[in-house]
Amino acid sequence: MRGFACRTLLILTASGLTACSQSYASRVDDRTFHIEGPEVPGGSDAPNRRLAEKLCPRGFRVLEQTSGKSQADAQISTNWTIRCL
């Protein structure tokens, strides 16, 4: 019983952390989206790539990419403007 509770807690914690690192997209044009990535250590663009693949299953092209910190002690966030192929 204790092992089951530990596994359940581990799964809930992992899914909670994954939910914190989601990207958000807004539609700019018919096939163009602006994706705002979460603050990720090292400035990884994996959350943006996952969302872009969901929005554009046939492929996409990154038109503009900006990376930066919102504050001095913050992590790097990456924003994309993409166009679906």
C-alpha atoms as a PDB file:
ATOM      1  CA  MET A   1       0.000   0.000   0.000  1.00  0.00           C
ATOM      2  CA  ARG A   2       2.841   2.390   0.831  1.00  0.00           C
ATOM      3  CA  GLY A   3       4.532   1.698  -2.513  1.00  0.00           C
ATOM      4  CA  PHE A   4       1.332   2.496  -4.367  1.00  0.00           C
ATOM      5  CA  ALA A   5       1.008   5.820  -2.536  1.00  0.00           C
ATOM      6  CA  CYS A   6       4.617   6.732  -3.356  1.00  0.00           C
ATOM      7  CA  ARG A   7       4.153   5.903  -7.042  1.00  0.00           C
ATOM      8  CA  THR A   8       0.930   7.900  -7.187  1.00  0.00           C
ATOM      9  CA  LEU A   9       2.613  10.881  -5.546  1.00  0.00           C
ATOM     10  CA  LEU A  10       5.534  10.652  -7.979  1.00  0.00           C
ATOM     11  CA  ILE A  11       3.218  10.573 -11.011  1.00  0.00           C
ATOM     12  CA  LEU A  12       1.163  13.522  -9.741  1.00  0.00           C
ATOM     13  CA  THR A  13       4.312  15.538  -9.039  1.00  0.00           C
ATOM     14  CA  ALA A  14       5.752  14.822 -12.490  1.00  0.00           C
ATOM     15  CA  SER A  15       2.513  15.758 -14.238  1.00  0.00           C
ATOM     16  CA  GLY A  16       2.282  18.933 -12.158  1.00  0.00           C
ATOM     17  CA  LEU A  17       5.778  20.001 -13.172  1.00  0.00           C
ATOM     18  CA  THR A  18       5.030  19.234 -16.802  1.00  0.00           C
ATOM     19  CA  ALA A  19       1.935  21.419 -16.665  1.00  0.00           C
ATOM     20  CA  CYS A  20       4.050  24.318 -15.410  1.00  0.00           C
ATOM     21  CA  SER A  21       6.231  24.262 -18.517  1.00  0.00           C
ATOM     22  CA  GLN A  22       3.562  24.737 -21.187  1.00  0.00           C
ATOM     23  CA  SER A  23       3.756  27.118 -24.103  1.00  0.00           C
ATOM     24  CA  TYR A  24       0.873  29.360 -25.135  1.00  0.00           C
ATOM     25  CA  ALA A  25      -0.059  30.252 -28.702  1.00  0.00           C
ATOM     26  CA  SER A  26      -2.113  32.996 -30.266  1.00  0.00           C
ATOM     27  CA  ARG A  27      -3.239  33.136 -33.882  1.00  0.00           C
ATOM     28  CA  VAL A  28      -1.777  36.012 -35.892  1.00  0.00           C
ATOM     29  CA  ASP A  29      -2.968  35.072 -39.366  1.00  0.00           C
ATOM     30  CA  ASP A  30      -4.576  32.135 -41.149  1.00  0.00           C
ATOM     31  CA  ARG A  31      -1.446  29.960 -40.884  1.00  0.00           C
ATOM     32  CA  THR A  32       0.701  32.113 -38.555  1.00  0.00           C
ATOM     33  CA  PHE A  33       0.967  31.710 -34.784  1.00  0.00           C
ATOM     34  CA  HIS A  34       2.889  33.483 -32.029  1.00  0.00           C
ATOM     35  CA  ILE A  35       4.115  31.044 -29.362  1.00  0.00           C
ATOM     36  CA  GLU A  36       5.174  32.283 -25.926  1.00  0.00           C
ATOM     37  CA  GLY A  37       7.382  29.732 -24.228  1.00  0.00           C
ATOM     38  CA  PRO A  38       7.762  29.199 -20.486  1.00  0.00           C
ATOM     39  CA  GLU A  39      10.833  30.170 -18.498  1.00  0.00           C
ATOM     40  CA  VAL A  40      13.151  27.175 -18.823  1.00  0.00           C
ATOM     41  CA  PRO A  41      16.709  26.788 -17.486  1.00  0.00           C
ATOM     42  CA  GLY A  42      19.140  26.990 -20.374  1.00  0.00           C
ATOM     43  CA  GLY A  43      16.552  28.449 -22.750  1.00  0.00           C
ATOM     44  CA  SER A  44      15.329  25.148 -24.189  1.00  0.00           C
ATOM     45  CA  ASP A  45      12.826  25.442 -27.023  1.00  0.00           C
ATOM     46  CA  ALA A  46      11.307  21.965 -26.550  1.00  0.00           C
ATOM     47  CA  PRO A  47       7.961  23.268 -25.152  1.00  0.00           C
ATOM     48  CA  ASN A  48       7.633  25.587 -28.175  1.00  0.00           C
ATOM     49  CA  ARG A  49       8.489  22.763 -30.574  1.00  0.00           C
ATOM     50  CA  ARG A  50       5.863  20.440 -29.027  1.00  0.00           C
ATOM     51  CA  LEU A  51       3.130  23.072 -29.346  1.00  0.00           C
ATOM     52  CA  ALA A  52       4.191  23.976 -32.895  1.00  0.00           C
ATOM     53  CA  GLU A  53       3.961  20.303 -33.902  1.00  0.00           C
ATOM     54  CA  LYS A  54       0.414  20.164 -32.472  1.00  0.00           C
ATOM     55  CA  LEU A  55      -0.652  23.346 -34.262  1.00  0.00           C
ATOM     56  CA  CYS A  56       0.996  22.432 -37.573  1.00  0.00           C
ATOM     57  CA  PRO A  57       1.013  18.629 -38.031  1.00  0.00           C
ATOM     58  CA  ARG A  58       2.314  18.938 -41.618  1.00  0.00           C
ATOM     59  CA  GLY A  59       5.308  21.020 -40.542  1.00  0.00           C
ATOM     60  CA  PHE A  60       6.192  24.600 -39.695  1.00  0.00           C
ATOM     61  CA  ARG A  61       8.809  27.262 -40.292  1.00  0.00           C
ATOM     62  CA  VAL A  62      10.098  29.568 -37.543  1.00  0.00           C
ATOM     63  CA  LEU A  63       9.802  33.130 -38.870  1.00  0.00           C
ATOM     64  CA  GLU A  64      11.084  34.929 -35.776  1.00  0.00           C
ATOM     65  CA  GLN A  65      12.703  33.765 -32.542  1.00  0.00           C
ATOM     66  CA  THR A  66      13.414  35.895 -29.484  1.00  0.00           C
ATOM     67  CA  SER A  67      14.997  34.750 -26.238  1.00  0.00           C
ATOM     68  CA  GLY A  68      15.461  36.683 -23.047  1.00  0.00           C
ATOM     69  CA  LYS A  69      14.892  37.074 -19.338  1.00  0.00           C
ATOM     70  CA  SER A  70      12.001  39.048 -17.887  1.00  0.00           C
ATOM     71  CA  GLN A  71      14.011  39.833 -14.724  1.00  0.00           C
ATOM     72  CA  ALA A  72      17.630  39.515 -13.659  1.00  0.00           C
ATOM     73  CA  ASP A  73      16.989  36.379 -11.570  1.00  0.00           C
ATOM     74  CA  ALA A  74      14.534  34.745 -14.005  1.00  0.00           C
ATOM     75  CA  GLN A  75      15.124  31.852 -16.394  1.00  0.00           C
ATOM     76  CA  ILE A  76      15.337  32.265 -20.164  1.00  0.00           C
ATOM     77  CA  SER A  77      12.069  32.253 -22.113  1.00  0.00           C
ATOM     78  CA  THR A  78      11.859  31.753 -25.879  1.00  0.00           C
ATOM     79  CA  ASN A  79       9.130  33.214 -28.094  1.00  0.00           C
ATOM     80  CA  TRP A  80       8.482  32.086 -31.651  1.00  0.00           C
ATOM     81  CA  THR A  81       6.458  33.309 -34.587  1.00  0.00           C
ATOM     82  CA  ILE A  82       5.756  30.318 -36.845  1.00  0.00           C
ATOM     83  CA  ARG A  83       3.982  29.675 -40.122  1.00  0.00           C
ATOM     84  CA  CYS A  84       2.403  26.317 -40.924  1.00  0.00           C
ATOM     85  CA  LEU A  85       3.465  24.661 -44.176  1.00  0.00           C
END
